[in-house]
Amino acid sequence: MSLADYFRKEVTRNEGIIQAYASGGYSMKETGEHFGLHYSQVSRIIKGFRNAKCKTG
């Protein structure tokens, strides 16, 4: 699946980023470049999702 497919499929930008990275097919850098974000911003998005997931079970 291409990065564009993940972003069309998902409801929000962040969900698309999380799914693309979780697929194992794209690095944080590649994902960030697709959306015009620095890889560190992608890292924070993923970290925020993981932290929220841990808090909600």
N, C-alpha and C. Protein backbone atom coordinates (compact mmCIF):
# COMPACT_ATOMS: atom_id res chain seq x y z
N MET A 1 0.85 -1.17 0.00
CA MET A 1 0.00 0.00 0.00
C MET A 1 0.90 1.24 0.00
N SER A 2 0.55 2.22 -0.80
CA SER A 2 1.36 3.44 -0.85
C SER A 2 0.99 4.36 0.31
N LEU A 3 1.85 5.33 0.59
CA LEU A 3 1.55 6.29 1.65
C LEU A 3 0.26 7.04 1.35
N ALA A 4 0.06 7.39 0.11
CA ALA A 4 -1.17 8.11 -0.26
C ALA A 4 -2.40 7.28 0.07
N ASP A 5 -2.32 5.97 -0.10
CA ASP A 5 -3.45 5.09 0.23
C ASP A 5 -3.78 5.13 1.72
N TYR A 6 -2.76 5.16 2.56
CA TYR A 6 -3.01 5.23 4.01
C TYR A 6 -3.73 6.51 4.37
N PHE A 7 -3.36 7.61 3.72
CA PHE A 7 -3.96 8.88 4.08
C PHE A 7 -5.35 9.05 3.49
N ARG A 8 -5.66 8.38 2.42
CA ARG A 8 -7.02 8.39 1.89
C ARG A 8 -7.92 7.51 2.74
N LYS A 9 -7.36 6.42 3.22
CA LYS A 9 -8.12 5.42 3.96
C LYS A 9 -8.50 5.90 5.36
N GLU A 10 -7.61 6.62 6.01
CA GLU A 10 -7.81 7.00 7.41
C GLU A 10 -8.58 8.30 7.54
N VAL A 11 -9.21 8.46 8.68
CA VAL A 11 -10.03 9.64 8.94
C VAL A 11 -9.17 10.89 9.15
N THR A 12 -8.10 10.76 9.91
CA THR A 12 -7.26 11.92 10.20
C THR A 12 -5.84 11.70 9.71
N ARG A 13 -5.12 12.80 9.58
CA ARG A 13 -3.71 12.73 9.19
C ARG A 13 -2.93 11.86 10.16
N ASN A 14 -3.14 12.07 11.45
CA ASN A 14 -2.38 11.33 12.45
C ASN A 14 -2.67 9.83 12.39
N GLU A 15 -3.91 9.46 12.17
CA GLU A 15 -4.24 8.04 12.04
C GLU A 15 -3.54 7.42 10.84
N GLY A 16 -3.47 8.16 9.75
CA GLY A 16 -2.76 7.68 8.57
C GLY A 16 -1.28 7.50 8.84
N ILE A 17 -0.69 8.45 9.56
CA ILE A 17 0.72 8.37 9.93
C ILE A 17 0.97 7.14 10.78
N ILE A 18 0.12 6.93 11.76
CA ILE A 18 0.28 5.79 12.68
C ILE A 18 0.15 4.47 11.92
N GLN A 19 -0.85 4.36 11.05
CA GLN A 19 -1.05 3.12 10.29
C GLN A 19 0.09 2.85 9.32
N ALA A 20 0.56 3.89 8.65
CA ALA A 20 1.66 3.71 7.69
C ALA A 20 2.92 3.26 8.40
N TYR A 21 3.23 3.87 9.53
CA TYR A 21 4.43 3.50 10.27
C TYR A 21 4.28 2.09 10.85
N ALA A 22 3.11 1.80 11.40
CA ALA A 22 2.87 0.49 12.01
C ALA A 22 2.93 -0.64 10.99
N SER A 23 2.68 -0.34 9.73
CA SER A 23 2.73 -1.38 8.69
C SER A 23 4.14 -1.92 8.51
N GLY A 24 5.13 -1.14 8.93
CA GLY A 24 6.51 -1.56 8.78
C GLY A 24 7.08 -1.24 7.41
N GLY A 25 6.27 -0.69 6.54
CA GLY A 25 6.72 -0.40 5.19
C GLY A 25 7.33 0.98 4.99
N TYR A 26 7.16 1.85 5.99
CA TYR A 26 7.63 3.23 5.86
C TYR A 26 8.31 3.69 7.13
N SER A 27 9.38 4.42 6.95
CA SER A 27 10.10 4.99 8.09
C SER A 27 9.41 6.28 8.52
N MET A 28 9.80 6.78 9.69
CA MET A 28 9.28 8.07 10.14
C MET A 28 9.67 9.16 9.16
N LYS A 29 10.88 9.07 8.63
CA LYS A 29 11.35 10.08 7.68
C LYS A 29 10.50 10.07 6.41
N GLU A 30 10.25 8.89 5.86
CA GLU A 30 9.44 8.78 4.64
C GLU A 30 8.02 9.29 4.88
N THR A 31 7.46 8.91 6.01
CA THR A 31 6.10 9.33 6.35
C THR A 31 6.04 10.85 6.50
N GLY A 32 7.02 11.40 7.20
CA GLY A 32 7.07 12.85 7.38
C GLY A 32 7.23 13.60 6.07
N GLU A 33 8.09 13.10 5.20
CA GLU A 33 8.31 13.75 3.90
C GLU A 33 7.02 13.80 3.08
N HIS A 34 6.22 12.75 3.18
CA HIS A 34 4.96 12.71 2.44
C HIS A 34 4.03 13.84 2.88
N PHE A 35 4.05 14.16 4.17
CA PHE A 35 3.15 15.18 4.70
C PHE A 35 3.81 16.51 4.97
N GLY A 36 5.09 16.63 4.64
CA GLY A 36 5.78 17.88 4.88
C GLY A 36 6.10 18.11 6.34
N LEU A 37 6.31 17.01 7.08
CA LEU A 37 6.65 17.08 8.49
C LEU A 37 8.06 16.57 8.71
N HIS A 38 8.71 17.07 9.75
CA HIS A 38 10.01 16.54 10.14
C HIS A 38 9.77 15.19 10.82
N TYR A 39 10.73 14.28 10.70
CA TYR A 39 10.55 12.96 11.30
C TYR A 39 10.33 13.03 12.80
N SER A 40 10.87 14.06 13.46
CA SER A 40 10.67 14.18 14.91
C SER A 40 9.21 14.47 15.24
N GLN A 41 8.51 15.20 14.37
CA GLN A 41 7.08 15.44 14.58
C GLN A 41 6.30 14.14 14.40
N VAL A 42 6.69 13.34 13.42
CA VAL A 42 6.05 12.03 13.23
C VAL A 42 6.27 11.18 14.47
N SER A 43 7.47 11.22 15.01
CA SER A 43 7.79 10.47 16.22
C SER A 43 6.88 10.89 17.38
N ARG A 44 6.66 12.19 17.53
CA ARG A 44 5.80 12.68 18.61
C ARG A 44 4.35 12.23 18.41
N ILE A 45 3.89 12.20 17.18
CA ILE A 45 2.53 11.75 16.88
C ILE A 45 2.38 10.28 17.28
N ILE A 46 3.36 9.46 16.90
CA ILE A 46 3.32 8.03 17.22
C ILE A 46 3.42 7.82 18.73
N LYS A 47 4.32 8.55 19.37
CA LYS A 47 4.49 8.43 20.82
C LYS A 47 3.20 8.83 21.54
N GLY A 48 2.56 9.89 21.09
CA GLY A 48 1.31 10.32 21.70
C GLY A 48 0.23 9.26 21.58
N PHE A 49 0.17 8.61 20.43
CA PHE A 49 -0.80 7.54 20.23
C PHE A 49 -0.52 6.37 21.17
N ARG A 50 0.75 5.99 21.26
CA ARG A 50 1.12 4.87 22.14
C ARG A 50 0.81 5.19 23.59
N ASN A 51 1.10 6.41 24.02
CA ASN A 51 0.82 6.80 25.40
C ASN A 51 -0.68 6.80 25.67
N ALA A 52 -1.46 7.31 24.74
CA ALA A 52 -2.91 7.34 24.91
C ALA A 52 -3.48 5.92 24.94
N LYS A 53 -2.93 5.05 24.11
CA LYS A 53 -3.39 3.66 24.06
C LYS A 53 -3.10 2.95 25.38
N CYS A 54 -1.94 3.22 25.96
CA CYS A 54 -1.57 2.60 27.23
C CYS A 54 -2.48 3.08 28.36
N LYS A 55 -2.87 4.34 28.34
CA LYS A 55 -3.72 4.90 29.39
C LYS A 55 -5.14 4.38 29.31
N THR A 56 -5.61 4.09 28.10
CA THR A 56 -6.99 3.64 27.94
C THR A 56 -7.12 2.12 27.90
N GLY A 57 -6.00 1.46 27.89
CA GLY A 57 -6.03 0.01 27.95
C GLY A 57 -5.93 -0.60 26.64
